[in-house]
Amino acid sequence: MPATVTLSSKFQICIPKAVCDEQHWEVGQEFVFIPKGKGVLLMPVPELEQLVGIAKGAGNDDHRDREDRY
């Protein structure tokens, strides 16, 4: 769904309602801008509850120790 917006004199943009509805974004939600080449990636900041279990099953057998560094 292509949509265009205009950057205001206060460097603000308004995200189209159709995009917010499709992504299930809500008023007051925090976002992060990640630079990507000549553009940016807009990502919602996850809530702490959404991160629970994200590293389940991750091992520490393939990590670098201080002794591996220069």
Protein backbone atom coordinates (compact mmCIF):
# COMPACT_ATOMS: atom_id res chain seq x y z
CA MET A 1 0.00 0.00 0.00
CA PRO A 2 2.05 2.97 -1.18
CA ALA A 3 1.38 6.20 0.64
CA THR A 4 3.17 9.54 0.57
CA VAL A 5 3.44 12.15 3.29
CA THR A 6 5.04 15.58 3.54
CA LEU A 7 7.65 16.57 6.11
CA SER A 8 6.41 19.63 8.03
CA SER A 9 8.46 22.71 8.91
CA LYS A 10 8.80 21.18 12.40
CA PHE A 11 10.29 18.00 10.86
CA GLN A 12 7.14 15.99 11.61
CA ILE A 13 5.33 13.45 9.47
CA CYS A 14 1.86 12.00 9.88
CA ILE A 15 1.61 8.24 9.38
CA PRO A 16 -1.46 7.38 7.31
CA LYS A 17 -4.28 5.71 9.27
CA ALA A 18 -4.35 2.76 6.86
CA VAL A 19 -0.70 2.00 7.68
CA CYS A 20 -1.31 2.28 11.43
CA ASP A 21 -4.35 0.01 11.19
CA GLU A 22 -2.51 -2.60 9.11
CA GLN A 23 0.46 -2.63 11.52
CA HIS A 24 -1.75 -2.48 14.65
CA TRP A 25 0.08 0.64 15.88
CA GLU A 26 -1.55 2.58 18.70
CA VAL A 27 -1.51 6.16 19.93
CA GLY A 28 1.37 6.75 22.35
CA GLN A 29 3.44 3.84 21.06
CA GLU A 30 7.21 4.48 20.87
CA PHE A 31 9.20 3.99 17.67
CA VAL A 32 12.85 3.90 16.69
CA PHE A 33 14.30 5.22 13.42
CA ILE A 34 17.08 3.01 12.02
CA PRO A 35 19.14 4.60 9.20
CA LYS A 36 19.30 2.36 6.10
CA GLY A 37 21.25 3.82 3.19
CA LYS A 38 19.31 6.84 1.94
CA GLY A 39 16.21 5.93 3.93
CA VAL A 40 15.13 4.88 7.39
CA LEU A 41 13.44 1.85 8.89
CA LEU A 42 10.66 2.71 11.34
CA MET A 43 10.20 0.04 14.01
CA PRO A 44 8.02 0.01 17.12
CA VAL A 45 9.95 -0.33 20.38
CA PRO A 46 8.86 -3.65 21.90
CA GLU A 47 7.31 -3.86 25.35
CA LEU A 48 9.25 -5.83 27.98
CA GLU A 49 6.58 -8.54 27.97
CA GLN A 50 7.17 -9.10 24.24
CA LEU A 51 10.84 -9.91 24.88
CA VAL A 52 10.25 -12.69 27.41
CA GLY A 53 11.65 -15.94 26.06
CA ILE A 54 13.27 -14.37 22.99
CA ALA A 55 16.61 -16.07 23.74
CA LYS A 56 15.15 -19.40 24.84
CA GLY A 57 17.47 -22.22 23.85
CA ALA A 58 20.38 -19.89 23.09
CA GLY A 59 23.71 -21.32 24.14
CA ASN A 60 26.90 -19.60 25.21
CA ASP A 61 29.29 -22.12 23.68
CA ASP A 62 30.01 -19.98 20.59
CA HIS A 63 30.84 -16.63 22.15
CA ARG A 64 34.06 -14.65 22.29
CA ASP A 65 35.78 -14.36 25.62
CA ARG A 66 38.12 -11.58 26.68
CA GLU A 67 41.05 -13.92 26.03
CA ASP A 68 40.00 -14.14 22.35
CA ARG A 69 40.51 -10.42 21.83
CA TYR A 70 43.68 -8.59 20.85
